[in-house]
């Protein structure tokens, strides 16, 4: 008999997520059937779309789902032997039963364990795939062009900046704290602005006097508008996220961006994390090569304890993370 703990959505979000929005329930899992295997969760990815209703589609009482690394501890599937580790999208639980399929279109995959397990939720996983394809396919930067990244110290943003440098671009990151600014400078960013204390419009005009070529946006809102004002003609914008809007009950009123788009001939593309297995495999091979060559450096914020999932989610919204935030169980 296996007793599993799981997180459910218990009260409606109001502002930044709180512990009271979640509840831990216990459930007894049934015996596994032929073709199934039992997973013991080891690491859980903290992803902000859980808070954003249009993406999460959560209703009160729903189980929270999350990308995770888990160990196969019992198996009736020849494809998933006992002792191997998998990455998949499952209920946010201490144990899960699977037949190899994941929620939505995210594949369950065995990992090779060449690196620390948590890395497969960060640089060797979907975070890098999002950064790599978002930048190379949607911004399509050319050598010596200027790239600006919001939420640059996050799990995706710090990778985008390093990819930009590998491609020979000038990289400007925006973040919220001095500690993060120093860290990003250490990763090779050419310039880092603290959007809380710096005059963003003024500083961007000085750092990119001919304008910004590529804008990788994780935030949206007023900050993104200021950056768009400094775009050059034929600039490209990849919209990865809109975290500035997640915790608001109203849509902020901003000046229209249409004149900028039409006069500067801007291209704006919204995109999501690529889920195709072949894309993930290609980006992971690229990340591993760059990592081994010393071109790519990463850092994760690891928080111990399954029960700390809500606090970890809150900490990211409060800007307390460096790189990807992950729960260790």
C-alpha atoms as a PDB file:
ATOM      1  CA  UNK A   1       0.000   0.000   0.000  1.00  0.00           C
ATOM      2  CA  UNK A   2       1.370   3.398  -1.029  1.00  0.00           C
ATOM      3  CA  UNK A   3       0.026   6.606   0.526  1.00  0.00           C
ATOM      4  CA  UNK A   4       0.682   9.636  -1.649  1.00  0.00           C
ATOM      5  CA  UNK A   5       0.367  13.302  -0.796  1.00  0.00           C
ATOM      6  CA  UNK A   6      -0.849  15.722  -3.458  1.00  0.00           C
ATOM      7  CA  UNK A   7      -1.521  19.440  -3.801  1.00  0.00           C
ATOM      8  CA  UNK A   8      -4.975  20.657  -4.809  1.00  0.00           C
ATOM      9  CA  UNK A   9      -6.220  24.146  -5.631  1.00  0.00           C
ATOM     10  CA  UNK A  10      -8.319  24.987  -2.569  1.00  0.00           C
ATOM     11  CA  UNK A  11      -9.180  28.716  -2.648  1.00  0.00           C
ATOM     12  CA  UNK A  12      -9.243  31.269  -5.444  1.00  0.00           C
ATOM     13  CA  UNK A  13      -6.060  33.240  -6.115  1.00  0.00           C
ATOM     14  CA  UNK A  14      -6.171  36.878  -5.137  1.00  0.00           C
ATOM     15  CA  UNK A  15      -2.900  38.603  -5.913  1.00  0.00           C
ATOM     16  CA  UNK A  16       0.338  36.665  -5.405  1.00  0.00           C
ATOM     17  CA  UNK A  17      -0.258  32.953  -4.595  1.00  0.00           C
ATOM     18  CA  UNK A  18      -0.367  32.072  -0.886  1.00  0.00           C
ATOM     19  CA  UNK A  19      -0.257  28.860   1.140  1.00  0.00           C
ATOM     20  CA  UNK A  20      -3.997  29.170   1.705  1.00  0.00           C
ATOM     21  CA  UNK A  21      -4.641  28.738  -2.037  1.00  0.00           C
ATOM     22  CA  UNK A  22      -3.435  25.141  -1.789  1.00  0.00           C
ATOM     23  CA  UNK A  23      -4.202  22.105   0.330  1.00  0.00           C
ATOM     24  CA  UNK A  24      -2.354  18.818   0.782  1.00  0.00           C
ATOM     25  CA  UNK A  25      -4.498  15.702   0.551  1.00  0.00           C
ATOM     26  CA  UNK A  26      -3.522  12.086   1.101  1.00  0.00           C
ATOM     27  CA  UNK A  27      -4.680   9.242  -1.102  1.00  0.00           C
ATOM     28  CA  UNK A  28      -4.033   5.514  -1.238  1.00  0.00           C
ATOM     29  CA  UNK A  29      -2.779   4.453  -4.653  1.00  0.00           C
ATOM     30  CA  UNK A  30      -4.097   1.209  -6.196  1.00  0.00           C
ATOM     31  CA  UNK A  31      -1.761  -1.638  -7.190  1.00  0.00           C
ATOM     32  CA  UNK A  32      -0.113  -1.039 -10.555  1.00  0.00           C
ATOM     33  CA  UNK A  33      -1.501  -2.903 -13.573  1.00  0.00           C
ATOM     34  CA  UNK A  34       0.256  -4.497 -16.524  1.00  0.00           C
ATOM     35  CA  UNK A  35       2.079  -1.806 -18.510  1.00  0.00           C
ATOM     36  CA  UNK A  36       2.148   0.598 -15.567  1.00  0.00           C
ATOM     37  CA  UNK A  37       4.879   1.705 -13.167  1.00  0.00           C
ATOM     38  CA  UNK A  38       5.033   3.450  -9.802  1.00  0.00           C
ATOM     39  CA  UNK A  39       6.961   6.711  -9.532  1.00  0.00           C
ATOM     40  CA  UNK A  40       8.501   8.349  -6.483  1.00  0.00           C
ATOM     41  CA  UNK A  41       8.828  12.078  -7.106  1.00  0.00           C
ATOM     42  CA  UNK A  42      12.292  13.553  -6.549  1.00  0.00           C
ATOM     43  CA  UNK A  43      12.165  17.081  -8.033  1.00  0.00           C
ATOM     44  CA  UNK A  44       9.268  19.364  -9.002  1.00  0.00           C
ATOM     45  CA  UNK A  45       9.551  22.315 -11.391  1.00  0.00           C
ATOM     46  CA  UNK A  46       8.093  25.652 -10.278  1.00  0.00           C
ATOM     47  CA  UNK A  47       6.298  27.200 -13.262  1.00  0.00           C
ATOM     48  CA  UNK A  48       4.296  30.400 -13.070  1.00  0.00           C
ATOM     49  CA  UNK A  49       1.559  29.407 -15.500  1.00  0.00           C
ATOM     50  CA  UNK A  50      -0.086  27.643 -12.532  1.00  0.00           C
ATOM     51  CA  UNK A  51      -1.220  31.099 -11.395  1.00  0.00           C
ATOM     52  CA  UNK A  52      -2.371  32.269 -14.823  1.00  0.00           C
ATOM     53  CA  UNK A  53      -5.976  31.102 -15.283  1.00  0.00           C
ATOM     54  CA  UNK A  54      -6.026  31.149 -19.125  1.00  0.00           C
ATOM     55  CA  UNK A  55      -3.170  28.617 -19.117  1.00  0.00           C
ATOM     56  CA  UNK A  56      -3.747  26.550 -15.978  1.00  0.00           C
ATOM     57  CA  UNK A  57      -7.565  26.398 -16.318  1.00  0.00           C
ATOM     58  CA  UNK A  58      -7.688  25.504 -12.618  1.00  0.00           C
ATOM     59  CA  UNK A  59     -10.975  25.104 -10.803  1.00  0.00           C
ATOM     60  CA  UNK A  60     -11.392  24.788  -7.047  1.00  0.00           C
ATOM     61  CA  UNK A  61     -10.619  21.230  -5.998  1.00  0.00           C
ATOM     62  CA  UNK A  62      -8.443  20.445  -9.016  1.00  0.00           C
ATOM     63  CA  UNK A  63      -5.125  18.673  -8.544  1.00  0.00           C
ATOM     64  CA  UNK A  64      -2.061  20.775  -9.329  1.00  0.00           C
ATOM     65  CA  UNK A  65       0.101  19.355 -12.118  1.00  0.00           C
ATOM     66  CA  UNK A  66       3.815  19.957 -12.584  1.00  0.00           C
ATOM     67  CA  UNK A  67       6.820  18.920 -14.610  1.00  0.00           C
ATOM     68  CA  UNK A  68       8.955  16.636 -12.450  1.00  0.00           C
ATOM     69  CA  UNK A  69      11.789  14.149 -12.139  1.00  0.00           C
ATOM     70  CA  UNK A  70      10.753  10.845 -10.560  1.00  0.00           C
ATOM     71  CA  UNK A  71      12.248   7.419  -9.865  1.00  0.00           C
ATOM     72  CA  UNK A  72      10.641   4.177 -11.003  1.00  0.00           C
ATOM     73  CA  UNK A  73      10.282   2.109  -7.816  1.00  0.00           C
ATOM     74  CA  UNK A  74       7.941  -0.611  -9.095  1.00  0.00           C
ATOM     75  CA  UNK A  75       7.221  -1.585 -12.671  1.00  0.00           C
ATOM     76  CA  UNK A  76       5.143  -3.835 -14.891  1.00  0.00           C
ATOM     77  CA  UNK A  77       6.446  -2.100 -18.015  1.00  0.00           C
ATOM     78  CA  UNK A  78       9.536  -3.246 -19.887  1.00  0.00           C
ATOM     79  CA  UNK A  79      10.021   0.313 -21.164  1.00  0.00           C
ATOM     80  CA  UNK A  80      10.408   1.779 -17.674  1.00  0.00           C
ATOM     81  CA  UNK A  81      12.527  -0.526 -15.494  1.00  0.00           C
ATOM     82  CA  UNK A  82      12.905  -0.157 -11.740  1.00  0.00           C
ATOM     83  CA  UNK A  83      15.689   2.220 -10.745  1.00  0.00           C
ATOM     84  CA  UNK A  84      15.500   4.492 -13.794  1.00  0.00           C
ATOM     85  CA  UNK A  85      14.568   8.157 -13.602  1.00  0.00           C
ATOM     86  CA  UNK A  86      11.992   9.835 -15.816  1.00  0.00           C
ATOM     87  CA  UNK A  87      10.918  13.376 -16.640  1.00  0.00           C
ATOM     88  CA  UNK A  88       7.212  13.933 -17.146  1.00  0.00           C
ATOM     89  CA  UNK A  89       4.175  16.081 -16.408  1.00  0.00           C
ATOM     90  CA  UNK A  90       2.173  14.551 -13.570  1.00  0.00           C
ATOM     91  CA  UNK A  91       0.053  15.471 -10.559  1.00  0.00           C
ATOM     92  CA  UNK A  92       2.036  17.437  -7.981  1.00  0.00           C
ATOM     93  CA  UNK A  93       2.277  14.404  -5.708  1.00  0.00           C
ATOM     94  CA  UNK A  94       4.857  12.441  -3.776  1.00  0.00           C
ATOM     95  CA  UNK A  95       3.976   9.282  -5.759  1.00  0.00           C
ATOM     96  CA  UNK A  96       2.279   8.696  -9.102  1.00  0.00           C
ATOM     97  CA  UNK A  97       1.231   5.757 -11.249  1.00  0.00           C
ATOM     98  CA  UNK A  98       1.851   6.017 -14.977  1.00  0.00           C
ATOM     99  CA  UNK A  99       1.655   3.981 -18.155  1.00  0.00           C
ATOM    100  CA  UNK A 100       4.174   6.261 -19.894  1.00  0.00           C
ATOM    101  CA  UNK A 101       1.769   8.954 -21.018  1.00  0.00           C
ATOM    102  CA  UNK A 102       1.823  12.451 -19.551  1.00  0.00           C
ATOM    103  CA  UNK A 103      -0.763  15.165 -19.249  1.00  0.00           C
ATOM    104  CA  UNK A 104      -1.310  17.293 -22.352  1.00  0.00           C
ATOM    105  CA  UNK A 105       1.314  16.714 -25.066  1.00  0.00           C
ATOM    106  CA  UNK A 106       4.413  16.642 -22.848  1.00  0.00           C
ATOM    107  CA  UNK A 107       6.177  13.297 -23.353  1.00  0.00           C
ATOM    108  CA  UNK A 108       7.404  11.088 -20.535  1.00  0.00           C
ATOM    109  CA  UNK A 109      11.071  10.373 -21.141  1.00  0.00           C
ATOM    110  CA  UNK A 110      13.874   8.474 -19.462  1.00  0.00           C
ATOM    111  CA  UNK A 111      16.859  10.630 -18.526  1.00  0.00           C
ATOM    112  CA  UNK A 112      20.453   9.521 -18.818  1.00  0.00           C
ATOM    113  CA  UNK A 113      21.560  10.628 -15.303  1.00  0.00           C
ATOM    114  CA  UNK A 114      24.841  11.990 -16.646  1.00  0.00           C
ATOM    115  CA  UNK A 115      24.290  15.217 -14.713  1.00  0.00           C
ATOM    116  CA  UNK A 116      22.608  16.066 -11.389  1.00  0.00           C
ATOM    117  CA  UNK A 117      18.942  15.174 -11.712  1.00  0.00           C
ATOM    118  CA  UNK A 118      17.568  18.670 -11.161  1.00  0.00           C
ATOM    119  CA  UNK A 119      19.467  19.925 -14.223  1.00  0.00           C
ATOM    120  CA  UNK A 120      16.994  18.027 -16.404  1.00  0.00           C
ATOM    121  CA  UNK A 121      14.268  20.423 -15.257  1.00  0.00           C
ATOM    122  CA  UNK A 122      16.398  23.438 -16.152  1.00  0.00           C
ATOM    123  CA  UNK A 123      19.276  23.710 -18.606  1.00  0.00           C
ATOM    124  CA  UNK A 124      18.799  20.174 -19.998  1.00  0.00           C
ATOM    125  CA  UNK A 125      15.054  20.419 -20.360  1.00  0.00           C
ATOM    126  CA  UNK A 126      12.185  22.650 -21.347  1.00  0.00           C
ATOM    127  CA  UNK A 127      13.686  25.868 -19.943  1.00  0.00           C
ATOM    128  CA  UNK A 128      16.550  25.709 -22.416  1.00  0.00           C
ATOM    129  CA  UNK A 129      14.272  24.569 -25.245  1.00  0.00           C
ATOM    130  CA  UNK A 130      12.065  27.602 -24.618  1.00  0.00           C
ATOM    131  CA  UNK A 131      15.049  29.949 -24.576  1.00  0.00           C
ATOM    132  CA  UNK A 132      16.750  28.367 -27.596  1.00  0.00           C
ATOM    133  CA  UNK A 133      13.804  28.140 -29.971  1.00  0.00           C
ATOM    134  CA  UNK A 134      12.199  31.339 -28.752  1.00  0.00           C
ATOM    135  CA  UNK A 135      15.340  33.300 -29.553  1.00  0.00           C
ATOM    136  CA  UNK A 136      16.625  31.541 -32.655  1.00  0.00           C
ATOM    137  CA  UNK A 137      13.294  30.900 -34.401  1.00  0.00           C
ATOM    138  CA  UNK A 138      11.244  33.926 -33.418  1.00  0.00           C
ATOM    139  CA  UNK A 139      13.812  36.694 -32.865  1.00  0.00           C
ATOM    140  CA  UNK A 140      16.315  35.299 -35.382  1.00  0.00           C
ATOM    141  CA  UNK A 141      19.224  37.430 -34.109  1.00  0.00           C
ATOM    142  CA  UNK A 142      22.175  38.231 -36.313  1.00  0.00           C
ATOM    143  CA  UNK A 143      25.743  38.779 -35.185  1.00  0.00           C
ATOM    144  CA  UNK A 144      26.324  42.169 -33.485  1.00  0.00           C
ATOM    145  CA  UNK A 145      22.600  42.854 -33.075  1.00  0.00           C
ATOM    146  CA  UNK A 146      21.199  44.073 -29.757  1.00  0.00           C
ATOM    147  CA  UNK A 147      18.998  41.744 -27.698  1.00  0.00           C
ATOM    148  CA  UNK A 148      16.991  42.870 -24.654  1.00  0.00           C
ATOM    149  CA  UNK A 149      15.557  40.324 -22.200  1.00  0.00           C
ATOM    150  CA  UNK A 150      13.051  40.890 -19.398  1.00  0.00           C
ATOM    151  CA  UNK A 151      13.056  38.676 -16.308  1.00  0.00           C
ATOM    152  CA  UNK A 152      16.643  38.037 -17.322  1.00  0.00           C
ATOM    153  CA  UNK A 153      17.621  36.261 -14.081  1.00  0.00           C
ATOM    154  CA  UNK A 154      14.815  33.704 -14.358  1.00  0.00           C
ATOM    155  CA  UNK A 155      14.956  30.089 -15.460  1.00  0.00           C
ATOM    156  CA  UNK A 156      14.562  31.016 -19.127  1.00  0.00           C
ATOM    157  CA  UNK A 157      15.930  34.562 -19.257  1.00  0.00           C
ATOM    158  CA  UNK A 158      19.479  33.809 -18.072  1.00  0.00           C
ATOM    159  CA  UNK A 159      19.734  31.129 -20.778  1.00  0.00           C
ATOM    160  CA  UNK A 160      18.442  33.451 -23.502  1.00  0.00           C
ATOM    161  CA  UNK A 161      21.176  35.956 -22.657  1.00  0.00           C
ATOM    162  CA  UNK A 162      23.943  33.380 -22.837  1.00  0.00           C
ATOM    163  CA  UNK A 163      22.634  31.998 -26.125  1.00  0.00           C
ATOM    164  CA  UNK A 164      22.664  35.548 -27.452  1.00  0.00           C
ATOM    165  CA  UNK A 165      26.316  35.964 -26.479  1.00  0.00           C
ATOM    166  CA  UNK A 166      27.222  32.619 -28.091  1.00  0.00           C
ATOM    167  CA  UNK A 167      25.604  33.913 -31.294  1.00  0.00           C
ATOM    168  CA  UNK A 168      27.738  37.049 -31.162  1.00  0.00           C
ATOM    169  CA  UNK A 169      25.111  39.565 -30.057  1.00  0.00           C
ATOM    170  CA  UNK A 170      25.103  42.444 -27.607  1.00  0.00           C
ATOM    171  CA  UNK A 171      22.902  41.412 -24.681  1.00  0.00           C
ATOM    172  CA  UNK A 172      21.048  43.683 -22.244  1.00  0.00           C
ATOM    173  CA  UNK A 173      19.162  42.094 -19.364  1.00  0.00           C
ATOM    174  CA  UNK A 174      16.534  43.600 -17.095  1.00  0.00           C
ATOM    175  CA  UNK A 175      15.944  42.349 -13.570  1.00  0.00           C
ATOM    176  CA  UNK A 176      14.809  43.592 -10.172  1.00  0.00           C
ATOM    177  CA  UNK A 177      17.655  43.270  -7.654  1.00  0.00           C
ATOM    178  CA  UNK A 178      21.329  44.221  -7.415  1.00  0.00           C
ATOM    179  CA  UNK A 179      22.327  40.632  -6.593  1.00  0.00           C
ATOM    180  CA  UNK A 180      20.741  39.484  -9.821  1.00  0.00           C
ATOM    181  CA  UNK A 181      22.445  42.241 -11.798  1.00  0.00           C
ATOM    182  CA  UNK A 182      25.849  41.098 -10.539  1.00  0.00           C
ATOM    183  CA  UNK A 183      25.090  37.469 -11.314  1.00  0.00           C
ATOM    184  CA  UNK A 184      24.019  38.241 -14.886  1.00  0.00           C
ATOM    185  CA  UNK A 185      27.123  40.351 -15.470  1.00  0.00           C
ATOM    186  CA  UNK A 186      29.142  37.359 -14.330  1.00  0.00           C
ATOM    187  CA  UNK A 187      27.378  35.223 -16.942  1.00  0.00           C
ATOM    188  CA  UNK A 188      28.607  37.544 -19.673  1.00  0.00           C
ATOM    189  CA  UNK A 189      25.672  39.907 -20.209  1.00  0.00           C
ATOM    190  CA  UNK A 190      27.013  43.148 -21.696  1.00  0.00           C
ATOM    191  CA  UNK A 191      24.706  45.337 -19.618  1.00  0.00           C
ATOM    192  CA  UNK A 192      22.133  44.719 -16.910  1.00  0.00           C
ATOM    193  CA  UNK A 193      19.501  47.211 -15.781  1.00  0.00           C
ATOM    194  CA  UNK A 194      17.608  47.206 -12.499  1.00  0.00           C
ATOM    195  CA  UNK A 195      14.141  48.197 -13.668  1.00  0.00           C
ATOM    196  CA  UNK A 196      13.198  49.167 -10.104  1.00  0.00           C
ATOM    197  CA  UNK A 197      15.929  51.789  -9.664  1.00  0.00           C
ATOM    198  CA  UNK A 198      17.082  52.636 -13.203  1.00  0.00           C
ATOM    199  CA  UNK A 199      15.389  54.902 -15.728  1.00  0.00           C
ATOM    200  CA  UNK A 200      14.870  52.117 -18.269  1.00  0.00           C
ATOM    201  CA  UNK A 201      13.944  54.296 -21.248  1.00  0.00           C
ATOM    202  CA  UNK A 202      16.870  56.645 -20.704  1.00  0.00           C
ATOM    203  CA  UNK A 203      19.407  53.867 -20.133  1.00  0.00           C
ATOM    204  CA  UNK A 204      18.295  51.838 -23.161  1.00  0.00           C
ATOM    205  CA  UNK A 205      18.608  54.921 -25.362  1.00  0.00           C
ATOM    206  CA  UNK A 206      22.227  55.256 -24.204  1.00  0.00           C
ATOM    207  CA  UNK A 207      23.124  51.555 -24.408  1.00  0.00           C
ATOM    208  CA  UNK A 208      21.455  50.992 -27.777  1.00  0.00           C
ATOM    209  CA  UNK A 209      21.539  54.388 -29.547  1.00  0.00           C
ATOM    210  CA  UNK A 210      20.615  52.822 -32.900  1.00  0.00           C
ATOM    211  CA  UNK A 211      17.774  50.888 -31.337  1.00  0.00           C
ATOM    212  CA  UNK A 212      17.037  47.355 -30.153  1.00  0.00           C
ATOM    213  CA  UNK A 213      16.946  44.586 -32.751  1.00  0.00           C
ATOM    214  CA  UNK A 214      15.490  41.724 -30.695  1.00  0.00           C
ATOM    215  CA  UNK A 215      13.293  41.743 -27.603  1.00  0.00           C
ATOM    216  CA  UNK A 216      12.648  38.518 -25.663  1.00  0.00           C
ATOM    217  CA  UNK A 217       9.756  39.356 -23.363  1.00  0.00           C
ATOM    218  CA  UNK A 218       8.774  37.370 -20.278  1.00  0.00           C
ATOM    219  CA  UNK A 219       6.890  40.146 -18.481  1.00  0.00           C
ATOM    220  CA  UNK A 220       4.594  42.376 -20.541  1.00  0.00           C
ATOM    221  CA  UNK A 221       2.994  45.536 -19.171  1.00  0.00           C
ATOM    222  CA  UNK A 222       4.551  48.978 -18.781  1.00  0.00           C
ATOM    223  CA  UNK A 223       8.138  47.716 -18.782  1.00  0.00           C
ATOM    224  CA  UNK A 224       7.672  46.029 -22.142  1.00  0.00           C
ATOM    225  CA  UNK A 225       6.134  49.196 -23.587  1.00  0.00           C
ATOM    226  CA  UNK A 226       9.245  51.185 -22.600  1.00  0.00           C
ATOM    227  CA  UNK A 227      11.453  48.637 -24.337  1.00  0.00           C
ATOM    228  CA  UNK A 228       9.323  48.642 -27.483  1.00  0.00           C
ATOM    229  CA  UNK A 229       9.717  52.423 -27.668  1.00  0.00           C
ATOM    230  CA  UNK A 230      13.437  51.813 -28.136  1.00  0.00           C
ATOM    231  CA  UNK A 231      13.126  49.167 -30.854  1.00  0.00           C
ATOM    232  CA  UNK A 232      14.715  49.909 -34.210  1.00  0.00           C
ATOM    233  CA  UNK A 233      13.057  49.510 -37.581  1.00  0.00           C
ATOM    234  CA  UNK A 234      12.337  45.865 -38.476  1.00  0.00           C
ATOM    235  CA  UNK A 235      12.847  44.805 -34.872  1.00  0.00           C
ATOM    236  CA  UNK A 236      11.647  41.353 -33.771  1.00  0.00           C
ATOM    237  CA  UNK A 237       9.804  40.602 -30.534  1.00  0.00           C
ATOM    238  CA  UNK A 238       9.272  37.133 -29.064  1.00  0.00           C
ATOM    239  CA  UNK A 239       6.622  37.061 -26.347  1.00  0.00           C
ATOM    240  CA  UNK A 240       7.313  34.169 -23.999  1.00  0.00           C
ATOM    241  CA  UNK A 241       5.297  35.296 -20.973  1.00  0.00           C
ATOM    242  CA  UNK A 242       3.316  38.054 -19.301  1.00  0.00           C
ATOM    243  CA  UNK A 243       4.037  37.677 -15.604  1.00  0.00           C
ATOM    244  CA  UNK A 244       3.224  41.322 -14.857  1.00  0.00           C
ATOM    245  CA  UNK A 245      -0.435  40.489 -15.534  1.00  0.00           C
ATOM    246  CA  UNK A 246      -0.697  37.213 -13.596  1.00  0.00           C
ATOM    247  CA  UNK A 247      -1.603  38.628 -10.203  1.00  0.00           C
ATOM    248  CA  UNK A 248      -3.907  41.453 -11.289  1.00  0.00           C
ATOM    249  CA  UNK A 249      -7.695  41.369 -11.457  1.00  0.00           C
ATOM    250  CA  UNK A 250      -7.688  44.014 -14.172  1.00  0.00           C
ATOM    251  CA  UNK A 251      -5.909  44.576 -17.468  1.00  0.00           C
ATOM    252  CA  UNK A 252      -3.533  47.569 -17.174  1.00  0.00           C
ATOM    253  CA  UNK A 253      -4.256  50.451 -19.528  1.00  0.00           C
ATOM    254  CA  UNK A 254      -1.249  51.327 -21.650  1.00  0.00           C
ATOM    255  CA  UNK A 255      -0.755  53.532 -24.687  1.00  0.00           C
ATOM    256  CA  UNK A 256      -1.472  51.759 -27.954  1.00  0.00           C
ATOM    257  CA  UNK A 257       1.460  49.855 -29.403  1.00  0.00           C
ATOM    258  CA  UNK A 258      -0.021  49.886 -32.907  1.00  0.00           C
ATOM    259  CA  UNK A 259       1.737  53.098 -34.042  1.00  0.00           C
ATOM    260  CA  UNK A 260       5.099  51.633 -33.008  1.00  0.00           C
ATOM    261  CA  UNK A 261       4.397  48.390 -34.806  1.00  0.00           C
ATOM    262  CA  UNK A 262       3.349  50.078 -38.037  1.00  0.00           C
ATOM    263  CA  UNK A 263       5.958  52.847 -38.167  1.00  0.00           C
ATOM    264  CA  UNK A 264       8.883  50.647 -37.098  1.00  0.00           C
ATOM    265  CA  UNK A 265       7.664  47.593 -39.026  1.00  0.00           C
ATOM    266  CA  UNK A 266       7.998  45.440 -35.911  1.00  0.00           C
ATOM    267  CA  UNK A 267       7.358  41.719 -35.952  1.00  0.00           C
ATOM    268  CA  UNK A 268       5.733  40.293 -32.803  1.00  0.00           C
ATOM    269  CA  UNK A 269       5.400  36.566 -32.224  1.00  0.00           C
ATOM    270  CA  UNK A 270       3.775  34.838 -29.281  1.00  0.00           C
ATOM    271  CA  UNK A 271       5.049  31.337 -28.624  1.00  0.00           C
ATOM    272  CA  UNK A 272       5.006  28.582 -26.040  1.00  0.00           C
ATOM    273  CA  UNK A 273       7.459  25.948 -24.916  1.00  0.00           C
ATOM    274  CA  UNK A 274       8.126  23.500 -27.770  1.00  0.00           C
ATOM    275  CA  UNK A 275       6.797  20.065 -26.816  1.00  0.00           C
ATOM    276  CA  UNK A 276       7.960  18.031 -29.817  1.00  0.00           C
ATOM    277  CA  UNK A 277      10.347  15.317 -28.648  1.00  0.00           C
ATOM    278  CA  UNK A 278      12.734  15.854 -31.573  1.00  0.00           C
ATOM    279  CA  UNK A 279      13.040  19.558 -30.735  1.00  0.00           C
ATOM    280  CA  UNK A 280      13.667  18.784 -27.077  1.00  0.00           C
ATOM    281  CA  UNK A 281      16.342  16.232 -27.971  1.00  0.00           C
ATOM    282  CA  UNK A 282      18.078  18.662 -30.343  1.00  0.00           C
ATOM    283  CA  UNK A 283      18.068  21.547 -27.870  1.00  0.00           C
ATOM    284  CA  UNK A 284      19.266  19.283 -25.050  1.00  0.00           C
ATOM    285  CA  UNK A 285      22.227  18.068 -27.136  1.00  0.00           C
ATOM    286  CA  UNK A 286      23.064  21.688 -27.920  1.00  0.00           C
ATOM    287  CA  UNK A 287      22.843  22.683 -24.252  1.00  0.00           C
ATOM    288  CA  UNK A 288      25.047  19.781 -23.149  1.00  0.00           C
ATOM    289  CA  UNK A 289      27.725  20.637 -25.719  1.00  0.00           C
ATOM    290  CA  UNK A 290      27.786  24.297 -24.751  1.00  0.00           C
ATOM    291  CA  UNK A 291      27.753  23.368 -21.050  1.00  0.00           C
ATOM    292  CA  UNK A 292      30.685  20.987 -21.475  1.00  0.00           C
ATOM    293  CA  UNK A 293      32.550  23.577 -23.562  1.00  0.00           C
ATOM    294  CA  UNK A 294      32.142  26.122 -20.755  1.00  0.00           C
ATOM    295  CA  UNK A 295      29.967  28.424 -22.883  1.00  0.00           C
ATOM    296  CA  UNK A 296      26.851  27.930 -20.787  1.00  0.00           C
ATOM    297  CA  UNK A 297      26.627  28.411 -17.026  1.00  0.00           C
ATOM    298  CA  UNK A 298      23.566  27.819 -14.936  1.00  0.00           C
ATOM    299  CA  UNK A 299      22.269  28.146 -11.441  1.00  0.00           C
ATOM    300  CA  UNK A 300      19.146  26.787  -9.833  1.00  0.00           C
ATOM    301  CA  UNK A 301      17.295  27.802  -6.687  1.00  0.00           C
ATOM    302  CA  UNK A 302      16.602  24.511  -4.884  1.00  0.00           C
ATOM    303  CA  UNK A 303      14.003  24.508  -2.096  1.00  0.00           C
ATOM    304  CA  UNK A 304      13.723  21.432   0.122  1.00  0.00           C
ATOM    305  CA  UNK A 305      10.406  19.874   1.050  1.00  0.00           C
ATOM    306  CA  UNK A 306       7.252  18.887  -0.841  1.00  0.00           C
ATOM    307  CA  UNK A 307       5.165  21.024   1.498  1.00  0.00           C
ATOM    308  CA  UNK A 308       7.046  24.134   0.359  1.00  0.00           C
ATOM    309  CA  UNK A 309       5.588  24.119  -3.163  1.00  0.00           C
ATOM    310  CA  UNK A 310       3.285  27.126  -2.498  1.00  0.00           C
ATOM    311  CA  UNK A 311       6.067  29.109  -0.824  1.00  0.00           C
ATOM    312  CA  UNK A 312       8.396  28.375  -3.735  1.00  0.00           C
ATOM    313  CA  UNK A 313       5.814  29.620  -6.231  1.00  0.00           C
ATOM    314  CA  UNK A 314       5.366  32.804  -4.193  1.00  0.00           C
ATOM    315  CA  UNK A 315       9.125  33.342  -3.949  1.00  0.00           C
ATOM    316  CA  UNK A 316       9.473  33.454  -7.740  1.00  0.00           C
ATOM    317  CA  UNK A 317       6.735  36.082  -8.043  1.00  0.00           C
ATOM    318  CA  UNK A 318       8.545  38.055  -5.343  1.00  0.00           C
ATOM    319  CA  UNK A 319      11.800  37.919  -7.307  1.00  0.00           C
ATOM    320  CA  UNK A 320      13.703  35.819  -4.779  1.00  0.00           C
ATOM    321  CA  UNK A 321      15.061  33.266  -7.269  1.00  0.00           C
ATOM    322  CA  UNK A 322      18.259  33.032  -9.264  1.00  0.00           C
ATOM    323  CA  UNK A 323      17.686  30.882 -12.330  1.00  0.00           C
ATOM    324  CA  UNK A 324      15.195  28.040 -12.299  1.00  0.00           C
ATOM    325  CA  UNK A 325      13.352  27.306  -9.038  1.00  0.00           C
ATOM    326  CA  UNK A 326      12.911  23.629  -8.188  1.00  0.00           C
ATOM    327  CA  UNK A 327      11.462  21.708  -5.228  1.00  0.00           C
ATOM    328  CA  UNK A 328      13.561  18.823  -3.912  1.00  0.00           C
ATOM    329  CA  UNK A 329      11.711  16.033  -2.115  1.00  0.00           C
END
